Amino acid sequence: MAGQGIQRREVLRILGTAAAAAHFPGFSKWGLACGHIGNAAFQIKPAHYQPQFFTPAEYSLVERLADMIIPSDSTPGAKEAGVAEFIDFMVAHTPDDQYPFRMGLAWLNARSEQSNSKPFLELTSDQQSSLLTPLAYKDKARPDDGDGRKFFVLMRNYTV
């Protein structure tokens, strides 16, 4: 039907993706919230996650970035919600986003080395925030931040 927004094929694509993703171990955190307490299918999985796409170093960086985008406060943040696991799963199954993620993470570490002589994860929280601020806010962007801004938008979209 015309004018109703989402198309039938798009709904089918979303349902298919959701069905495949439901078996992903990282979604146990979400499944637990929907299941009955005694349901064995919704028991929490082991705490250690093995990335499907990212290297362990890249995965740690994705986890930190997601946590900075949606931090924990009085409510759970990205880390508690399993956002890094979700991003890893989605990027592993979305070939078009694999290169932009790899290059974006490398760009961020290179910028961090250039600015602070350390990889991003070795910076203090304040240093990390000041490195991301020009990427997150268009009015604070520098002329040479184009690639970093593209990556940050991609990262933020996946996180949210």
N, C-alpha and C. Protein backbone atom coordinates (compact mmCIF):
# COMPACT_ATOMS: atom_id res chain seq x y z
N MET A 1 0.84 -1.18 0.00
CA MET A 1 0.00 0.00 0.00
C MET A 1 0.89 1.24 0.00
N ALA A 2 0.57 2.15 -0.84
CA ALA A 2 1.38 3.35 -1.00
C ALA A 2 1.21 4.28 0.20
N GLY A 3 2.28 4.98 0.53
CA GLY A 3 2.23 6.00 1.56
C GLY A 3 2.27 5.48 2.98
N GLN A 4 2.52 4.19 3.19
CA GLN A 4 2.52 3.67 4.55
C GLN A 4 3.93 3.48 5.10
N GLY A 5 4.90 4.08 4.49
CA GLY A 5 6.26 4.05 5.02
C GLY A 5 7.01 2.79 4.65
N ILE A 6 7.21 1.92 5.58
CA ILE A 6 8.05 0.74 5.39
C ILE A 6 7.42 -0.25 4.41
N GLN A 7 8.23 -0.78 3.52
CA GLN A 7 7.77 -1.70 2.49
C GLN A 7 7.80 -3.13 3.00
N ARG A 8 6.99 -3.98 2.40
CA ARG A 8 6.88 -5.38 2.80
C ARG A 8 8.23 -6.08 2.74
N ARG A 9 9.00 -5.84 1.69
CA ARG A 9 10.32 -6.47 1.56
C ARG A 9 11.26 -6.05 2.68
N GLU A 10 11.16 -4.79 3.07
CA GLU A 10 12.00 -4.31 4.17
C GLU A 10 11.60 -4.99 5.47
N VAL A 11 10.33 -5.17 5.71
CA VAL A 11 9.86 -5.87 6.91
C VAL A 11 10.37 -7.30 6.91
N LEU A 12 10.30 -7.97 5.77
CA LEU A 12 10.78 -9.34 5.67
C LEU A 12 12.29 -9.42 5.90
N ARG A 13 13.02 -8.44 5.39
CA ARG A 13 14.47 -8.40 5.61
C ARG A 13 14.78 -8.22 7.09
N ILE A 14 14.07 -7.33 7.74
CA ILE A 14 14.28 -7.08 9.17
C ILE A 14 13.95 -8.33 9.98
N LEU A 15 12.84 -8.98 9.66
CA LEU A 15 12.46 -10.19 10.38
C LEU A 15 13.47 -11.31 10.18
N GLY A 16 13.98 -11.43 8.97
CA GLY A 16 14.99 -12.45 8.69
C GLY A 16 16.28 -12.19 9.46
N THR A 17 16.69 -10.94 9.49
CA THR A 17 17.89 -10.57 10.24
C THR A 17 17.68 -10.82 11.73
N ALA A 18 16.52 -10.46 12.24
CA ALA A 18 16.22 -10.66 13.67
C ALA A 18 16.21 -12.14 14.02
N ALA A 19 15.67 -12.96 13.13
CA ALA A 19 15.63 -14.40 13.39
C ALA A 19 17.04 -14.98 13.45
N ALA A 20 17.91 -14.54 12.54
CA ALA A 20 19.29 -15.02 12.56
C ALA A 20 20.03 -14.50 13.78
N ALA A 21 19.80 -13.24 14.11
CA ALA A 21 20.49 -12.62 15.23
C ALA A 21 20.04 -13.19 16.57
N ALA A 22 18.85 -13.73 16.64
CA ALA A 22 18.33 -14.26 17.90
C ALA A 22 19.19 -15.40 18.43
N HIS A 23 19.90 -16.07 17.54
CA HIS A 23 20.75 -17.19 17.96
C HIS A 23 22.15 -16.74 18.33
N PHE A 24 22.43 -15.48 18.20
CA PHE A 24 23.74 -14.94 18.50
C PHE A 24 23.93 -14.87 20.01
N PRO A 25 25.06 -15.39 20.55
CA PRO A 25 25.26 -15.44 21.99
C PRO A 25 25.21 -14.08 22.68
N GLY A 26 25.62 -13.02 22.01
CA GLY A 26 25.62 -11.70 22.63
C GLY A 26 24.24 -11.19 22.97
N PHE A 27 23.22 -11.74 22.32
CA PHE A 27 21.87 -11.27 22.57
C PHE A 27 21.24 -11.94 23.80
N SER A 28 22.00 -12.77 24.50
CA SER A 28 21.47 -13.40 25.70
C SER A 28 21.11 -12.34 26.74
N LYS A 29 21.83 -11.21 26.72
CA LYS A 29 21.53 -10.15 27.68
C LYS A 29 20.14 -9.58 27.44
N TRP A 30 19.75 -9.51 26.17
CA TRP A 30 18.43 -8.98 25.84
C TRP A 30 17.37 -10.05 26.01
N GLY A 31 17.70 -11.28 25.63
CA GLY A 31 16.75 -12.38 25.75
C GLY A 31 16.37 -12.64 27.19
N LEU A 32 17.32 -12.47 28.09
CA LEU A 32 17.05 -12.69 29.51
C LEU A 32 15.96 -11.75 30.01
N ALA A 33 15.95 -10.53 29.51
CA ALA A 33 14.96 -9.55 29.96
C ALA A 33 13.56 -9.93 29.51
N CYS A 34 13.45 -10.71 28.44
CA CYS A 34 12.15 -11.06 27.89
C CYS A 34 11.65 -12.43 28.34
N GLY A 35 12.54 -13.24 28.87
CA GLY A 35 12.18 -14.61 29.20
C GLY A 35 11.69 -14.77 30.62
N HIS A 36 11.21 -15.96 30.91
CA HIS A 36 10.82 -16.30 32.26
C HIS A 36 12.07 -16.72 33.03
N ILE A 37 12.09 -16.47 34.31
CA ILE A 37 13.29 -16.72 35.10
C ILE A 37 13.70 -18.19 35.04
N GLY A 38 12.77 -19.10 35.03
CA GLY A 38 13.10 -20.52 35.02
C GLY A 38 13.39 -21.09 33.65
N ASN A 39 13.30 -20.30 32.60
CA ASN A 39 13.49 -20.79 31.24
C ASN A 39 14.98 -20.97 30.95
N ALA A 40 15.43 -22.22 30.76
CA ALA A 40 16.84 -22.51 30.53
C ALA A 40 17.36 -21.87 29.25
N ALA A 41 16.51 -21.64 28.28
CA ALA A 41 16.95 -21.03 27.02
C ALA A 41 17.44 -19.61 27.21
N PHE A 42 17.02 -18.96 28.29
CA PHE A 42 17.39 -17.56 28.51
C PHE A 42 18.41 -17.39 29.63
N GLN A 43 19.14 -18.42 29.98
CA GLN A 43 20.17 -18.30 30.99
C GLN A 43 21.34 -17.50 30.43
N ILE A 44 22.00 -16.75 31.28
CA ILE A 44 23.12 -15.90 30.85
C ILE A 44 24.25 -16.78 30.34
N LYS A 45 24.82 -16.39 29.22
CA LYS A 45 25.92 -17.11 28.61
C LYS A 45 27.23 -16.75 29.34
N PRO A 46 28.30 -17.47 29.06
CA PRO A 46 29.58 -17.14 29.68
C PRO A 46 29.96 -15.67 29.45
N ALA A 47 30.66 -15.10 30.42
CA ALA A 47 30.98 -13.67 30.39
C ALA A 47 31.99 -13.31 29.32
N HIS A 48 32.83 -14.25 28.90
CA HIS A 48 33.86 -13.94 27.91
C HIS A 48 33.31 -14.10 26.50
N TYR A 49 33.43 -13.06 25.73
CA TYR A 49 32.92 -13.06 24.35
C TYR A 49 34.09 -13.16 23.39
N GLN A 50 33.96 -14.02 22.38
CA GLN A 50 34.97 -14.15 21.32
C GLN A 50 34.48 -13.39 20.09
N PRO A 51 35.14 -12.31 19.71
CA PRO A 51 34.70 -11.55 18.53
C PRO A 51 34.69 -12.40 17.26
N GLN A 52 33.68 -12.14 16.43
CA GLN A 52 33.56 -12.84 15.16
C GLN A 52 34.33 -12.14 14.04
N PHE A 53 34.42 -10.83 14.09
CA PHE A 53 35.08 -10.07 13.04
C PHE A 53 36.31 -9.33 13.55
N PHE A 54 36.18 -8.57 14.60
CA PHE A 54 37.25 -7.72 15.08
C PHE A 54 38.35 -8.53 15.77
N THR A 55 39.57 -8.00 15.70
CA THR A 55 40.65 -8.56 16.50
C THR A 55 40.36 -8.20 17.96
N PRO A 56 40.99 -8.86 18.93
CA PRO A 56 40.75 -8.48 20.33
C PRO A 56 41.03 -7.00 20.61
N ALA A 57 42.09 -6.45 20.01
CA ALA A 57 42.41 -5.03 20.22
C ALA A 57 41.33 -4.13 19.61
N GLU A 58 40.90 -4.47 18.40
CA GLU A 58 39.83 -3.68 17.76
C GLU A 58 38.54 -3.79 18.57
N TYR A 59 38.23 -4.97 19.03
CA TYR A 59 37.01 -5.18 19.80
C TYR A 59 37.02 -4.34 21.09
N SER A 60 38.17 -4.29 21.76
CA SER A 60 38.28 -3.47 22.98
C SER A 60 38.04 -1.99 22.66
N LEU A 61 38.53 -1.56 21.52
CA LEU A 61 38.33 -0.16 21.10
C LEU A 61 36.86 0.09 20.77
N VAL A 62 36.22 -0.83 20.06
CA VAL A 62 34.79 -0.69 19.76
C VAL A 62 33.98 -0.65 21.06
N GLU A 63 34.34 -1.50 22.01
CA GLU A 63 33.63 -1.54 23.30
C GLU A 63 33.79 -0.21 24.04
N ARG A 64 34.99 0.36 24.03
CA ARG A 64 35.23 1.64 24.71
C ARG A 64 34.47 2.78 24.02
N LEU A 65 34.49 2.80 22.70
CA LEU A 65 33.78 3.85 21.98
C LEU A 65 32.28 3.78 22.23
N ALA A 66 31.72 2.57 22.18
CA ALA A 66 30.28 2.41 22.44
C ALA A 66 29.95 2.87 23.86
N ASP A 67 30.83 2.55 24.80
CA ASP A 67 30.61 2.96 26.19
C ASP A 67 30.70 4.48 26.35
N MET A 68 31.52 5.13 25.54
CA MET A 68 31.59 6.59 25.61
C MET A 68 30.37 7.23 24.96
N ILE A 69 29.82 6.59 23.94
CA ILE A 69 28.64 7.13 23.26
C ILE A 69 27.40 6.98 24.13
N ILE A 70 27.24 5.81 24.76
CA ILE A 70 26.12 5.59 25.69
C ILE A 70 26.71 5.09 27.00
N PRO A 71 27.13 6.01 27.86
CA PRO A 71 27.74 5.60 29.12
C PRO A 71 26.71 5.11 30.14
N SER A 72 27.21 4.37 31.11
CA SER A 72 26.36 3.94 32.23
C SER A 72 26.20 5.13 33.16
N ASP A 73 24.99 5.32 33.62
CA ASP A 73 24.74 6.32 34.66
C ASP A 73 23.77 5.66 35.63
N SER A 74 22.63 6.23 35.86
CA SER A 74 21.64 5.58 36.73
C SER A 74 20.95 4.43 36.00
N THR A 75 21.19 4.34 34.69
CA THR A 75 20.65 3.24 33.89
C THR A 75 21.81 2.54 33.19
N PRO A 76 21.61 1.30 32.75
CA PRO A 76 22.70 0.59 32.06
C PRO A 76 23.08 1.30 30.76
N GLY A 77 24.35 1.19 30.43
CA GLY A 77 24.85 1.81 29.21
C GLY A 77 25.11 0.77 28.13
N ALA A 78 25.92 1.15 27.16
CA ALA A 78 26.20 0.30 26.01
C ALA A 78 26.89 -1.00 26.41
N LYS A 79 27.78 -0.93 27.39
CA LYS A 79 28.51 -2.13 27.80
C LYS A 79 27.56 -3.17 28.38
N GLU A 80 26.68 -2.74 29.25
CA GLU A 80 25.73 -3.67 29.87
C GLU A 80 24.73 -4.21 28.86
N ALA A 81 24.44 -3.43 27.84
CA ALA A 81 23.47 -3.85 26.82
C ALA A 81 24.09 -4.77 25.77
N GLY A 82 25.40 -4.96 25.80
CA GLY A 82 26.04 -5.83 24.83
C GLY A 82 26.18 -5.20 23.46
N VAL A 83 26.32 -3.88 23.41
CA VAL A 83 26.40 -3.17 22.14
C VAL A 83 27.63 -3.59 21.32
N ALA A 84 28.76 -3.79 21.97
CA ALA A 84 29.97 -4.18 21.23
C ALA A 84 29.78 -5.55 20.57
N GLU A 85 29.11 -6.47 21.26
CA GLU A 85 28.82 -7.78 20.68
C GLU A 85 27.90 -7.63 19.47
N PHE A 86 26.91 -6.75 19.61
CA PHE A 86 25.99 -6.49 18.51
C PHE A 86 26.73 -5.92 17.31
N ILE A 87 27.60 -4.94 17.54
CA ILE A 87 28.35 -4.32 16.44
C ILE A 87 29.24 -5.36 15.77
N ASP A 88 29.92 -6.18 16.57
CA ASP A 88 30.77 -7.22 16.01
C ASP A 88 29.97 -8.18 15.14
N PHE A 89 28.82 -8.60 15.63
CA PHE A 89 27.96 -9.51 14.88
C PHE A 89 27.49 -8.86 13.57
N MET A 90 27.02 -7.64 13.65
CA MET A 90 26.50 -6.97 12.46
C MET A 90 27.60 -6.71 11.43
N VAL A 91 28.75 -6.25 11.87
CA VAL A 91 29.84 -5.96 10.94
C VAL A 91 30.36 -7.27 10.32
N ALA A 92 30.39 -8.34 11.09
CA ALA A 92 30.82 -9.64 10.56
C ALA A 92 29.90 -10.09 9.43
N HIS A 93 28.64 -9.65 9.46
CA HIS A 93 27.66 -10.07 8.46
C HIS A 93 27.28 -8.95 7.48
N THR A 94 28.04 -7.84 7.51
CA THR A 94 27.79 -6.72 6.60
C THR A 94 29.11 -6.35 5.93
N PRO A 95 29.47 -7.05 4.86
CA PRO A 95 30.77 -6.81 4.22
C PRO A 95 31.04 -5.36 3.83
N ASP A 96 30.01 -4.61 3.47
CA ASP A 96 30.21 -3.21 3.08
C ASP A 96 30.72 -2.34 4.23
N ASP A 97 30.49 -2.74 5.47
CA ASP A 97 30.93 -1.94 6.61
C ASP A 97 32.24 -2.44 7.23
N GLN A 98 32.75 -3.56 6.76
CA GLN A 98 33.97 -4.11 7.35
C GLN A 98 35.18 -3.22 7.12
N TYR A 99 35.39 -2.80 5.89
CA TYR A 99 36.52 -1.92 5.59
C TYR A 99 36.40 -0.57 6.31
N PRO A 100 35.24 0.10 6.25
CA PRO A 100 35.13 1.38 6.97
C PRO A 100 35.40 1.25 8.47
N PHE A 101 34.98 0.15 9.08
CA PHE A 101 35.24 -0.02 10.52
C PHE A 101 36.73 -0.23 10.77
N ARG A 102 37.34 -1.13 10.00
CA ARG A 102 38.78 -1.40 10.19
C ARG A 102 39.60 -0.12 9.99
N MET A 103 39.30 0.59 8.92
CA MET A 103 40.05 1.81 8.63
C MET A 103 39.76 2.90 9.65
N GLY A 104 38.53 2.99 10.10
CA GLY A 104 38.18 4.00 11.09
C GLY A 104 38.88 3.76 12.42
N LEU A 105 38.94 2.52 12.85
CA LEU A 105 39.63 2.20 14.10
C LEU A 105 41.13 2.49 13.96
N ALA A 106 41.70 2.13 12.81
CA ALA A 106 43.11 2.43 12.55
C ALA A 106 43.35 3.94 12.51
N TRP A 107 42.44 4.68 11.88
CA TRP A 107 42.55 6.14 11.81
C TRP A 107 42.55 6.73 13.22
N LEU A 108 41.64 6.25 14.06
CA LEU A 108 41.52 6.78 15.42
C LEU A 108 42.81 6.53 16.21
N ASN A 109 43.35 5.33 16.10
CA ASN A 109 44.60 5.05 16.81
C ASN A 109 45.76 5.86 16.26
N ALA A 110 45.80 6.04 14.94
CA ALA A 110 46.86 6.87 14.34
C ALA A 110 46.75 8.31 14.81
N ARG A 111 45.53 8.84 14.84
CA ARG A 111 45.33 10.22 15.33
C ARG A 111 45.74 10.33 16.80
N SER A 112 45.41 9.31 17.58
CA SER A 112 45.78 9.30 18.98
C SER A 112 47.30 9.29 19.15
N GLU A 113 47.98 8.46 18.36
CA GLU A 113 49.45 8.40 18.40
C GLU A 113 50.05 9.75 18.00
N GLN A 114 49.47 10.36 16.97
CA GLN A 114 49.96 11.64 16.47
C GLN A 114 49.78 12.74 17.51
N SER A 115 48.62 12.75 18.18
CA SER A 115 48.30 13.82 19.13
C SER A 115 48.90 13.60 20.52
N ASN A 116 48.91 12.33 20.96
CA ASN A 116 49.26 12.05 22.35
C ASN A 116 50.37 11.01 22.53
N SER A 117 50.92 10.53 21.43
CA SER A 117 51.99 9.52 21.46
C SER A 117 51.59 8.22 22.15
N LYS A 118 50.30 7.92 22.14
CA LYS A 118 49.78 6.68 22.73
C LYS A 118 48.58 6.21 21.93
N PRO A 119 48.33 4.89 21.92
CA PRO A 119 47.08 4.41 21.31
C PRO A 119 45.88 4.92 22.10
N PHE A 120 44.73 4.96 21.47
CA PHE A 120 43.52 5.53 22.07
C PHE A 120 43.20 4.92 23.43
N LEU A 121 43.29 3.62 23.55
CA LEU A 121 42.89 2.97 24.80
C LEU A 121 43.84 3.25 25.96
N GLU A 122 45.03 3.76 25.68
CA GLU A 122 45.98 4.10 26.74
C GLU A 122 45.84 5.55 27.21
N LEU A 123 44.97 6.31 26.57
CA LEU A 123 44.74 7.69 26.96
C LEU A 123 43.84 7.76 28.19
N THR A 124 43.88 8.88 28.88
CA THR A 124 42.94 9.11 29.98
C THR A 124 41.55 9.36 29.38
N SER A 125 40.54 9.28 30.20
CA SER A 125 39.17 9.54 29.72
C SER A 125 39.05 10.95 29.13
N ASP A 126 39.68 11.92 29.78
CA ASP A 126 39.62 13.30 29.27
C ASP A 126 40.31 13.42 27.91
N GLN A 127 41.45 12.75 27.75
CA GLN A 127 42.16 12.80 26.47
C GLN A 127 41.32 12.12 25.37
N GLN A 128 40.69 11.00 25.72
CA GLN A 128 39.83 10.31 24.77
C GLN A 128 38.68 11.20 24.34
N SER A 129 38.05 11.85 25.30
CA SER A 129 36.92 12.74 25.00
C SER A 129 37.35 13.91 24.11
N SER A 130 38.49 14.51 24.42
CA SER A 130 38.91 15.65 23.60
C SER A 130 39.33 15.21 22.20
N LEU A 131 39.77 13.96 22.02
CA LEU A 131 40.08 13.45 20.70
C LEU A 131 38.81 13.20 19.89
N LEU A 132 37.74 12.78 20.56
CA LEU A 132 36.47 12.47 19.88
C LEU A 132 35.59 13.69 19.65
N THR A 133 35.74 14.73 20.44
CA THR A 133 34.87 15.90 20.34
C THR A 133 34.80 16.49 18.93
N PRO A 134 35.93 16.69 18.23
CA PRO A 134 35.82 17.23 16.86
C PRO A 134 35.14 16.26 15.89
N LEU A 135 35.16 14.99 16.22
CA LEU A 135 34.51 14.01 15.35
C LEU A 135 33.01 13.96 15.60
N ALA A 136 32.63 14.23 16.82
CA ALA A 136 31.22 14.13 17.20
C ALA A 136 30.42 15.39 16.89
N TYR A 137 31.07 16.54 16.88
CA TYR A 137 30.36 17.80 16.70
C TYR A 137 30.88 18.52 15.46
N LYS A 138 30.01 18.72 14.51
CA LYS A 138 30.38 19.33 13.22
C LYS A 138 31.02 20.70 13.40
N ASP A 139 30.49 21.50 14.31
CA ASP A 139 31.01 22.86 14.49
C ASP A 139 32.40 22.88 15.14
N LYS A 140 32.86 21.74 15.68
CA LYS A 140 34.19 21.67 16.28
C LYS A 140 35.17 20.88 15.42
N ALA A 141 34.72 20.43 14.26
CA ALA A 141 35.55 19.61 13.38
C ALA A 141 36.68 20.43 12.77
N ARG A 142 37.78 19.75 12.55
CA ARG A 142 38.93 20.35 11.88
C ARG A 142 38.93 19.89 10.42
N PRO A 143 39.60 20.62 9.54
CA PRO A 143 39.59 20.26 8.11
C PRO A 143 40.10 18.84 7.82
N ASP A 144 41.04 18.34 8.62
CA ASP A 144 41.60 17.02 8.35
C ASP A 144 40.88 15.89 9.11
N ASP A 145 39.68 16.15 9.63
CA ASP A 145 38.92 15.15 10.38
C ASP A 145 37.87 14.43 9.56
N GLY A 146 37.84 14.62 8.25
CA GLY A 146 36.79 14.04 7.41
C GLY A 146 36.63 12.54 7.56
N ASP A 147 37.73 11.79 7.45
CA ASP A 147 37.66 10.34 7.58
C ASP A 147 37.23 9.92 8.99
N GLY A 148 37.75 10.62 9.97
CA GLY A 148 37.38 10.32 11.35
C GLY A 148 35.92 10.60 11.63
N ARG A 149 35.42 11.70 11.07
CA ARG A 149 33.99 12.02 11.26
C ARG A 149 33.10 10.96 10.61
N LYS A 150 33.47 10.50 9.42
CA LYS A 150 32.69 9.45 8.75
C LYS A 150 32.66 8.19 9.61
N PHE A 151 33.82 7.82 10.15
CA PHE A 151 33.86 6.64 11.01
C PHE A 151 33.03 6.84 12.27
N PHE A 152 33.15 8.01 12.88
CA PHE A 152 32.42 8.24 14.12
C PHE A 152 30.91 8.20 13.89
N VAL A 153 30.44 8.72 12.78
CA VAL A 153 29.01 8.65 12.44
C VAL A 153 28.58 7.19 12.30
N LEU A 154 29.39 6.39 11.62
CA LEU A 154 29.09 4.97 11.46
C LEU A 154 29.05 4.27 12.83
N MET A 155 30.05 4.55 13.65
CA MET A 155 30.12 3.96 14.98
C MET A 155 28.92 4.37 15.84
N ARG A 156 28.59 5.65 15.79
CA ARG A 156 27.45 6.15 16.57
C ARG A 156 26.14 5.53 16.08
N ASN A 157 25.98 5.39 14.77
CA ASN A 157 24.76 4.79 14.24
C ASN A 157 24.61 3.34 14.70
N TYR A 158 25.68 2.59 14.64
CA TYR A 158 25.64 1.20 15.10
C TYR A 158 25.38 1.13 16.62
N THR A 159 25.96 2.04 17.36
CA THR A 159 25.79 2.02 18.82
C THR A 159 24.36 2.35 19.21
N VAL A 160 23.81 3.36 18.59
CA VAL A 160 22.45 3.79 18.94
C VAL A 160 21.44 2.82 18.38
